Amino acid sequence: MKTKITILFGLIALLLMSGEPLRAQRLTQPTITPNGEYLLVSGGVSLHKWEKWKVSPRDNWWMNFIRAARIRIQQLQAAGVPPEKITWFVYRPAYISRGKQEGQDLISNIVSVRDTYKINLKFFDRTVQLIDYINSGKPRDQVKIVDFEYFGHSNKACFLFDYSNGIDSASKVWLHENELAKLNRNAFARNAFVKSWGCHSGESMSQKFRSLIGVPMWGAVGKSQYMTHELPVLADPSNGRWTY
């Protein structure tokens, strides 16, 4: 009898553990809201002059965070979200400096994504520009943010918009979890889908966001891995997880 009970509880625990990533996956399916706004943010990539000497250099591909946002734009539109409801913020200075390294105009390449999908593209240079848009870029009593997703470098307490771009392994432009209090919580719909696709956000920043804004923010425990043809995945699924 004890053996049967042990097996039963083991199966229940297994179902609960496996249900969490499935729930996170289901939540990526957008809720189509007529007056809602779908806000995506792409942080900047690193420079080879800082990273080339490291055992595991970051951002060998400059499109890491651009490609991920593009995939998400395609998903949203395939689900029926009108292009005019999608707003994409991109941290401009990093792509100017990385463009010099690449020997090409990366800003024009990013603009071409806007032209292809007919969405709203906004470049930002300072964190306050993003905060101001979230708070009052639209009349937030009428147009709520129903989807907010971040693609870029992060640690457990920050979105790092210029990580290893201006300073080796550091950032001068970020959104820290302590700055989340500057966001108007009424800008977000109660059932908004919010997710950081960067590393470690689920270890602290997700909980702070939920506490201050009242909406869960999914984030990774551990590192995430940016892909070429799909949204980012957990770098080590056996030890990491998506959580809020």
C-alpha atoms as a PDB file:
ATOM      1  CA  MET A   1       0.000   0.000   0.000  1.00  0.00           C
ATOM      2  CA  LYS A   2       2.807   2.386   0.921  1.00  0.00           C
ATOM      3  CA  THR A   3       4.513   1.594  -2.370  1.00  0.00           C
ATOM      4  CA  LYS A   4       1.359   2.501  -4.332  1.00  0.00           C
ATOM      5  CA  ILE A   5       0.995   5.782  -2.436  1.00  0.00           C
ATOM      6  CA  THR A   6       4.650   6.619  -3.084  1.00  0.00           C
ATOM      7  CA  ILE A   7       4.236   5.933  -6.796  1.00  0.00           C
ATOM      8  CA  LEU A   8       1.033   8.013  -6.879  1.00  0.00           C
ATOM      9  CA  PHE A   9       2.690  11.030  -5.282  1.00  0.00           C
ATOM     10  CA  GLY A  10       5.656  10.618  -7.602  1.00  0.00           C
ATOM     11  CA  LEU A  11       3.390  10.720 -10.650  1.00  0.00           C
ATOM     12  CA  ILE A  12       1.586  13.802  -9.318  1.00  0.00           C
ATOM     13  CA  ALA A  13       4.906  15.586  -8.752  1.00  0.00           C
ATOM     14  CA  LEU A  14       6.065  14.646 -12.251  1.00  0.00           C
ATOM     15  CA  LEU A  15       2.875  16.025 -13.795  1.00  0.00           C
ATOM     16  CA  LEU A  16       3.225  19.268 -11.864  1.00  0.00           C
ATOM     17  CA  MET A  17       6.834  19.676 -12.940  1.00  0.00           C
ATOM     18  CA  SER A  18       6.107  18.930 -16.591  1.00  0.00           C
ATOM     19  CA  GLY A  19       3.046  21.186 -16.577  1.00  0.00           C
ATOM     20  CA  GLU A  20       4.989  24.354 -15.833  1.00  0.00           C
ATOM     21  CA  PRO A  21       6.924  24.575 -19.139  1.00  0.00           C
ATOM     22  CA  LEU A  22       3.791  23.537 -21.022  1.00  0.00           C
ATOM     23  CA  ARG A  23       1.892  26.362 -19.361  1.00  0.00           C
ATOM     24  CA  ALA A  24       4.632  28.809 -20.306  1.00  0.00           C
ATOM     25  CA  GLN A  25       4.505  27.555 -23.886  1.00  0.00           C
ATOM     26  CA  ARG A  26       0.722  27.943 -24.096  1.00  0.00           C
ATOM     27  CA  LEU A  27       0.978  31.489 -22.809  1.00  0.00           C
ATOM     28  CA  THR A  28       3.010  32.507 -25.859  1.00  0.00           C
ATOM     29  CA  GLN A  29      -0.213  32.234 -27.850  1.00  0.00           C
ATOM     30  CA  PRO A  30      -1.476  35.836 -27.882  1.00  0.00           C
ATOM     31  CA  THR A  31      -4.875  36.984 -26.748  1.00  0.00           C
ATOM     32  CA  ILE A  32      -6.195  39.137 -29.563  1.00  0.00           C
ATOM     33  CA  THR A  33      -7.462  42.361 -27.994  1.00  0.00           C
ATOM     34  CA  PRO A  34      -8.908  45.045 -30.314  1.00  0.00           C
ATOM     35  CA  ASN A  35      -7.422  47.971 -28.383  1.00  0.00           C
ATOM     36  CA  GLY A  36      -4.342  46.189 -27.061  1.00  0.00           C
ATOM     37  CA  GLU A  37      -0.697  46.881 -27.900  1.00  0.00           C
ATOM     38  CA  TYR A  38       1.977  44.228 -28.386  1.00  0.00           C
ATOM     39  CA  LEU A  39       5.325  45.675 -27.301  1.00  0.00           C
ATOM     40  CA  LEU A  40       8.616  43.937 -28.126  1.00  0.00           C
ATOM     41  CA  VAL A  41      12.063  45.186 -27.046  1.00  0.00           C
ATOM     42  CA  SER A  42      15.425  44.187 -28.540  1.00  0.00           C
ATOM     43  CA  GLY A  43      18.554  45.041 -26.594  1.00  0.00           C
ATOM     44  CA  GLY A  44      21.964  45.499 -28.152  1.00  0.00           C
ATOM     45  CA  VAL A  45      24.657  42.976 -29.041  1.00  0.00           C
ATOM     46  CA  SER A  46      28.267  42.859 -27.871  1.00  0.00           C
ATOM     47  CA  LEU A  47      31.420  43.741 -29.799  1.00  0.00           C
ATOM     48  CA  HIS A  48      34.117  41.271 -30.829  1.00  0.00           C
ATOM     49  CA  LYS A  49      36.888  43.490 -29.437  1.00  0.00           C
ATOM     50  CA  TRP A  50      35.630  42.611 -25.951  1.00  0.00           C
ATOM     51  CA  GLU A  51      34.407  39.086 -26.552  1.00  0.00           C
ATOM     52  CA  LYS A  52      36.935  37.463 -28.922  1.00  0.00           C
ATOM     53  CA  TRP A  53      39.356  36.607 -26.131  1.00  0.00           C
ATOM     54  CA  LYS A  54      36.779  34.764 -24.037  1.00  0.00           C
ATOM     55  CA  VAL A  55      36.274  31.014 -23.870  1.00  0.00           C
ATOM     56  CA  SER A  56      32.615  31.439 -24.863  1.00  0.00           C
ATOM     57  CA  PRO A  57      32.303  34.717 -26.776  1.00  0.00           C
ATOM     58  CA  ARG A  58      28.822  36.231 -26.963  1.00  0.00           C
ATOM     59  CA  ASP A  59      26.911  37.381 -30.012  1.00  0.00           C
ATOM     60  CA  ASN A  60      28.970  35.944 -32.840  1.00  0.00           C
ATOM     61  CA  TRP A  61      25.867  36.712 -34.896  1.00  0.00           C
ATOM     62  CA  TRP A  62      24.769  40.334 -34.750  1.00  0.00           C
ATOM     63  CA  MET A  63      21.129  39.385 -35.394  1.00  0.00           C
ATOM     64  CA  ASN A  64      20.652  37.408 -32.155  1.00  0.00           C
ATOM     65  CA  PHE A  65      18.056  39.732 -30.645  1.00  0.00           C
ATOM     66  CA  ILE A  66      16.752  41.075 -33.952  1.00  0.00           C
ATOM     67  CA  ARG A  67      16.071  37.638 -35.363  1.00  0.00           C
ATOM     68  CA  ALA A  68      14.263  36.539 -32.180  1.00  0.00           C
ATOM     69  CA  ALA A  69      11.991  39.581 -32.305  1.00  0.00           C
ATOM     70  CA  ARG A  70      11.327  38.975 -35.989  1.00  0.00           C
ATOM     71  CA  ILE A  71      10.273  35.398 -35.268  1.00  0.00           C
ATOM     72  CA  ARG A  72       7.908  36.665 -32.570  1.00  0.00           C
ATOM     73  CA  ILE A  73       6.462  39.288 -34.932  1.00  0.00           C
ATOM     74  CA  GLN A  74       5.760  36.527 -37.440  1.00  0.00           C
ATOM     75  CA  GLN A  75       4.043  34.448 -34.751  1.00  0.00           C
ATOM     76  CA  LEU A  76       1.864  37.329 -33.589  1.00  0.00           C
ATOM     77  CA  GLN A  77       0.769  38.185 -37.101  1.00  0.00           C
ATOM     78  CA  ALA A  78       0.099  34.522 -37.917  1.00  0.00           C
ATOM     79  CA  ALA A  79      -2.170  34.427 -34.855  1.00  0.00           C
ATOM     80  CA  GLY A  80      -4.142  37.388 -36.173  1.00  0.00           C
ATOM     81  CA  VAL A  81      -2.545  40.399 -34.479  1.00  0.00           C
ATOM     82  CA  PRO A  82      -2.792  43.399 -36.847  1.00  0.00           C
ATOM     83  CA  PRO A  83       0.630  44.859 -37.712  1.00  0.00           C
ATOM     84  CA  GLU A  84      -0.350  48.323 -36.500  1.00  0.00           C
ATOM     85  CA  LYS A  85      -0.853  46.864 -33.006  1.00  0.00           C
ATOM     86  CA  ILE A  86       2.776  45.685 -32.799  1.00  0.00           C
ATOM     87  CA  THR A  87       5.435  48.105 -31.569  1.00  0.00           C
ATOM     88  CA  TRP A  88       9.107  47.146 -31.642  1.00  0.00           C
ATOM     89  CA  PHE A  89      11.714  49.039 -29.603  1.00  0.00           C
ATOM     90  CA  VAL A  90      15.376  48.553 -30.568  1.00  0.00           C
ATOM     91  CA  TYR A  91      18.409  49.876 -28.678  1.00  0.00           C
ATOM     92  CA  ARG A  92      20.056  51.899 -31.452  1.00  0.00           C
ATOM     93  CA  PRO A  93      23.616  52.758 -30.240  1.00  0.00           C
ATOM     94  CA  ALA A  94      24.662  49.109 -30.027  1.00  0.00           C
ATOM     95  CA  TYR A  95      23.727  48.451 -33.661  1.00  0.00           C
ATOM     96  CA  ILE A  96      25.522  51.565 -34.843  1.00  0.00           C
ATOM     97  CA  SER A  97      28.750  50.450 -33.173  1.00  0.00           C
ATOM     98  CA  ARG A  98      28.289  46.812 -34.196  1.00  0.00           C
ATOM     99  CA  GLY A  99      27.589  47.997 -37.750  1.00  0.00           C
ATOM    100  CA  LYS A 100      31.019  49.622 -37.860  1.00  0.00           C
ATOM    101  CA  GLN A 101      32.506  46.290 -36.828  1.00  0.00           C
ATOM    102  CA  GLU A 102      30.485  44.437 -39.457  1.00  0.00           C
ATOM    103  CA  GLY A 103      31.175  47.007 -42.160  1.00  0.00           C
ATOM    104  CA  GLN A 104      27.491  47.448 -42.947  1.00  0.00           C
ATOM    105  CA  ASP A 105      24.516  49.605 -42.064  1.00  0.00           C
ATOM    106  CA  LEU A 106      22.677  47.472 -39.509  1.00  0.00           C
ATOM    107  CA  ILE A 107      20.113  50.186 -38.816  1.00  0.00           C
ATOM    108  CA  SER A 108      18.897  49.938 -42.416  1.00  0.00           C
ATOM    109  CA  ASN A 109      18.682  46.164 -42.051  1.00  0.00           C
ATOM    110  CA  ILE A 110      16.524  46.585 -38.946  1.00  0.00           C
ATOM    111  CA  VAL A 111      14.316  49.126 -40.712  1.00  0.00           C
ATOM    112  CA  SER A 112      13.780  46.580 -43.489  1.00  0.00           C
ATOM    113  CA  VAL A 113      12.093  44.291 -40.943  1.00  0.00           C
ATOM    114  CA  ARG A 114       9.677  47.086 -40.138  1.00  0.00           C
ATOM    115  CA  ASP A 115       8.960  47.615 -43.825  1.00  0.00           C
ATOM    116  CA  THR A 116       8.409  43.900 -44.423  1.00  0.00           C
ATOM    117  CA  TYR A 117       5.921  43.412 -41.595  1.00  0.00           C
ATOM    118  CA  LYS A 118       4.419  46.934 -41.517  1.00  0.00           C
ATOM    119  CA  ILE A 119       4.842  47.260 -37.755  1.00  0.00           C
ATOM    120  CA  ASN A 120       5.745  50.288 -35.636  1.00  0.00           C
ATOM    121  CA  LEU A 121       9.520  50.567 -35.087  1.00  0.00           C
ATOM    122  CA  LYS A 122      10.995  52.880 -32.475  1.00  0.00           C
ATOM    123  CA  PHE A 123      14.687  53.227 -31.701  1.00  0.00           C
ATOM    124  CA  PHE A 124      15.782  54.241 -28.219  1.00  0.00           C
ATOM    125  CA  ASP A 125      19.079  55.461 -26.802  1.00  0.00           C
ATOM    126  CA  ARG A 126      18.165  55.827 -23.129  1.00  0.00           C
ATOM    127  CA  THR A 127      16.071  53.748 -20.741  1.00  0.00           C
ATOM    128  CA  VAL A 128      13.803  56.680 -19.924  1.00  0.00           C
ATOM    129  CA  GLN A 129      12.544  56.673 -23.518  1.00  0.00           C
ATOM    130  CA  LEU A 130      11.259  53.132 -23.087  1.00  0.00           C
ATOM    131  CA  ILE A 131       9.752  53.896 -19.683  1.00  0.00           C
ATOM    132  CA  ASP A 132       8.003  56.997 -21.001  1.00  0.00           C
ATOM    133  CA  TYR A 133       6.542  55.057 -23.905  1.00  0.00           C
ATOM    134  CA  ILE A 134       5.234  52.305 -21.668  1.00  0.00           C
ATOM    135  CA  ASN A 135       3.626  54.881 -19.400  1.00  0.00           C
ATOM    136  CA  SER A 136       2.218  57.318 -21.911  1.00  0.00           C
ATOM    137  CA  GLY A 137       3.197  56.400 -25.477  1.00  0.00           C
ATOM    138  CA  LYS A 138      -0.476  55.597 -25.991  1.00  0.00           C
ATOM    139  CA  PRO A 139      -3.491  56.768 -23.981  1.00  0.00           C
ATOM    140  CA  ARG A 140      -3.140  53.940 -21.473  1.00  0.00           C
ATOM    141  CA  ASP A 141      -6.674  54.289 -20.203  1.00  0.00           C
ATOM    142  CA  GLN A 142      -7.736  53.107 -23.667  1.00  0.00           C
ATOM    143  CA  VAL A 143      -4.783  51.171 -25.128  1.00  0.00           C
ATOM    144  CA  LYS A 144      -3.346  48.649 -22.693  1.00  0.00           C
ATOM    145  CA  ILE A 145      -0.155  46.667 -23.213  1.00  0.00           C
ATOM    146  CA  VAL A 146      -1.355  43.087 -23.626  1.00  0.00           C
ATOM    147  CA  ASP A 147       2.023  41.620 -24.604  1.00  0.00           C
ATOM    148  CA  PHE A 148       5.481  42.790 -23.469  1.00  0.00           C
ATOM    149  CA  GLU A 149       8.580  40.771 -24.363  1.00  0.00           C
ATOM    150  CA  TYR A 150      12.294  41.443 -24.010  1.00  0.00           C
ATOM    151  CA  PHE A 151      15.034  39.965 -26.204  1.00  0.00           C
ATOM    152  CA  GLY A 152      18.531  40.789 -25.067  1.00  0.00           C
ATOM    153  CA  HIS A 153      21.222  40.408 -22.444  1.00  0.00           C
ATOM    154  CA  SER A 154      20.069  40.301 -18.841  1.00  0.00           C
ATOM    155  CA  ASN A 155      21.022  39.165 -15.381  1.00  0.00           C
ATOM    156  CA  LYS A 156      18.762  38.317 -12.480  1.00  0.00           C
ATOM    157  CA  ALA A 157      18.007  41.993 -11.730  1.00  0.00           C
ATOM    158  CA  CYS A 158      18.476  43.894 -15.023  1.00  0.00           C
ATOM    159  CA  PHE A 159      17.748  44.168 -18.696  1.00  0.00           C
ATOM    160  CA  LEU A 160      21.231  45.045 -20.010  1.00  0.00           C
ATOM    161  CA  PHE A 161      20.654  47.030 -23.182  1.00  0.00           C
ATOM    162  CA  ASP A 162      24.322  47.628 -24.075  1.00  0.00           C
ATOM    163  CA  TYR A 163      26.109  44.737 -22.407  1.00  0.00           C
ATOM    164  CA  SER A 164      29.734  44.365 -23.598  1.00  0.00           C
ATOM    165  CA  ASN A 165      29.175  46.928 -26.342  1.00  0.00           C
ATOM    166  CA  GLY A 166      30.676  50.056 -24.811  1.00  0.00           C
ATOM    167  CA  ILE A 167      32.452  48.434 -21.849  1.00  0.00           C
ATOM    168  CA  ASP A 168      33.882  44.935 -21.609  1.00  0.00           C
ATOM    169  CA  SER A 169      31.441  42.630 -19.760  1.00  0.00           C
ATOM    170  CA  ALA A 170      29.475  45.561 -18.360  1.00  0.00           C
ATOM    171  CA  SER A 171      26.597  47.871 -19.207  1.00  0.00           C
ATOM    172  CA  LYS A 172      25.908  51.585 -18.895  1.00  0.00           C
ATOM    173  CA  VAL A 173      22.275  51.470 -20.055  1.00  0.00           C
ATOM    174  CA  TRP A 174      19.861  49.141 -18.313  1.00  0.00           C
ATOM    175  CA  LEU A 175      16.445  48.685 -16.750  1.00  0.00           C
ATOM    176  CA  HIS A 176      16.989  47.532 -13.181  1.00  0.00           C
ATOM    177  CA  GLU A 177      14.308  45.795 -11.155  1.00  0.00           C
ATOM    178  CA  ASN A 178      14.376  48.734  -8.720  1.00  0.00           C
ATOM    179  CA  GLU A 179      13.333  50.997 -11.601  1.00  0.00           C
ATOM    180  CA  LEU A 180      10.188  48.970 -12.285  1.00  0.00           C
ATOM    181  CA  ALA A 181       8.413  51.217  -9.776  1.00  0.00           C
ATOM    182  CA  LYS A 182       8.645  53.956 -12.419  1.00  0.00           C
ATOM    183  CA  LEU A 183       6.313  51.983 -14.675  1.00  0.00           C
ATOM    184  CA  ASN A 184       2.605  52.730 -14.657  1.00  0.00           C
ATOM    185  CA  ARG A 185       1.058  49.420 -13.653  1.00  0.00           C
ATOM    186  CA  ASN A 186      -2.208  50.552 -15.240  1.00  0.00           C
ATOM    187  CA  ALA A 187      -0.463  50.561 -18.632  1.00  0.00           C
ATOM    188  CA  PHE A 188      -0.654  46.755 -18.625  1.00  0.00           C
ATOM    189  CA  ALA A 189      -3.775  44.680 -19.172  1.00  0.00           C
ATOM    190  CA  ARG A 190      -4.590  42.426 -16.235  1.00  0.00           C
ATOM    191  CA  ASN A 191      -4.104  39.326 -18.372  1.00  0.00           C
ATOM    192  CA  ALA A 192      -1.014  40.642 -20.213  1.00  0.00           C
ATOM    193  CA  PHE A 193       1.620  38.162 -21.346  1.00  0.00           C
ATOM    194  CA  VAL A 194       5.051  39.390 -20.198  1.00  0.00           C
ATOM    195  CA  LYS A 195       8.310  37.532 -20.741  1.00  0.00           C
ATOM    196  CA  SER A 196      12.032  38.163 -20.635  1.00  0.00           C
ATOM    197  CA  TRP A 197      13.771  35.831 -23.070  1.00  0.00           C
ATOM    198  CA  GLY A 198      17.186  36.724 -21.638  1.00  0.00           C
ATOM    199  CA  CYS A 199      19.275  34.909 -19.045  1.00  0.00           C
ATOM    200  CA  HIS A 200      18.481  34.677 -15.323  1.00  0.00           C
ATOM    201  CA  SER A 201      15.445  37.030 -15.237  1.00  0.00           C
ATOM    202  CA  GLY A 202      13.363  34.391 -13.457  1.00  0.00           C
ATOM    203  CA  GLU A 203      15.735  34.440 -10.482  1.00  0.00           C
ATOM    204  CA  SER A 204      14.671  37.870  -9.173  1.00  0.00           C
ATOM    205  CA  MET A 205      13.389  40.402 -11.694  1.00  0.00           C
ATOM    206  CA  SER A 206      10.312  38.340 -12.572  1.00  0.00           C
ATOM    207  CA  GLN A 207       9.164  38.307  -8.961  1.00  0.00           C
ATOM    208  CA  LYS A 208       9.799  42.054  -8.567  1.00  0.00           C
ATOM    209  CA  PHE A 209       7.817  42.782 -11.732  1.00  0.00           C
ATOM    210  CA  ARG A 210       4.871  40.730 -10.530  1.00  0.00           C
ATOM    211  CA  SER A 211       4.964  42.426  -7.131  1.00  0.00           C
ATOM    212  CA  LEU A 212       5.055  45.981  -8.509  1.00  0.00           C
ATOM    213  CA  ILE A 213       3.001  45.666 -11.703  1.00  0.00           C
ATOM    214  CA  GLY A 214       0.590  42.932 -10.666  1.00  0.00           C
ATOM    215  CA  VAL A 215       1.243  40.849 -13.799  1.00  0.00           C
ATOM    216  CA  PRO A 216       3.457  37.731 -14.012  1.00  0.00           C
ATOM    217  CA  MET A 217       6.667  38.127 -15.970  1.00  0.00           C
ATOM    218  CA  TRP A 218       8.090  34.840 -17.200  1.00  0.00           C
ATOM    219  CA  GLY A 219      11.854  34.595 -17.004  1.00  0.00           C
ATOM    220  CA  ALA A 220      14.608  32.005 -17.128  1.00  0.00           C
ATOM    221  CA  VAL A 221      16.245  30.393 -14.142  1.00  0.00           C
ATOM    222  CA  GLY A 222      19.697  29.869 -15.615  1.00  0.00           C
ATOM    223  CA  LYS A 223      20.846  30.874 -19.066  1.00  0.00           C
ATOM    224  CA  SER A 224      18.820  31.096 -22.251  1.00  0.00           C
ATOM    225  CA  GLN A 225      20.091  30.292 -25.727  1.00  0.00           C
ATOM    226  CA  TYR A 226      19.167  32.388 -28.772  1.00  0.00           C
ATOM    227  CA  MET A 227      18.374  30.347 -31.854  1.00  0.00           C
ATOM    228  CA  THR A 228      18.299  30.934 -35.611  1.00  0.00           C
ATOM    229  CA  HIS A 229      14.853  29.642 -36.523  1.00  0.00           C
ATOM    230  CA  GLU A 230      12.938  29.553 -33.242  1.00  0.00           C
ATOM    231  CA  LEU A 231      12.453  31.586 -30.098  1.00  0.00           C
ATOM    232  CA  PRO A 232      15.139  31.353 -27.393  1.00  0.00           C
ATOM    233  CA  VAL A 233      15.317  28.148 -25.369  1.00  0.00           C
ATOM    234  CA  LEU A 234      16.835  27.203 -22.038  1.00  0.00           C
ATOM    235  CA  ALA A 235      20.564  26.611 -22.420  1.00  0.00           C
ATOM    236  CA  ASP A 236      20.413  23.757 -19.891  1.00  0.00           C
ATOM    237  CA  PRO A 237      16.860  22.370 -19.692  1.00  0.00           C
ATOM    238  CA  SER A 238      17.858  19.796 -17.077  1.00  0.00           C
ATOM    239  CA  ASN A 239      18.811  22.506 -14.554  1.00  0.00           C
ATOM    240  CA  GLY A 240      16.983  25.610 -15.811  1.00  0.00           C
ATOM    241  CA  ARG A 241      13.302  26.447 -16.120  1.00  0.00           C
ATOM    242  CA  TRP A 242      10.901  29.218 -17.096  1.00  0.00           C
ATOM    243  CA  THR A 243       9.149  30.719 -14.101  1.00  0.00           C
ATOM    244  CA  TYR A 244       7.637  33.897 -12.687  1.00  0.00           C
END
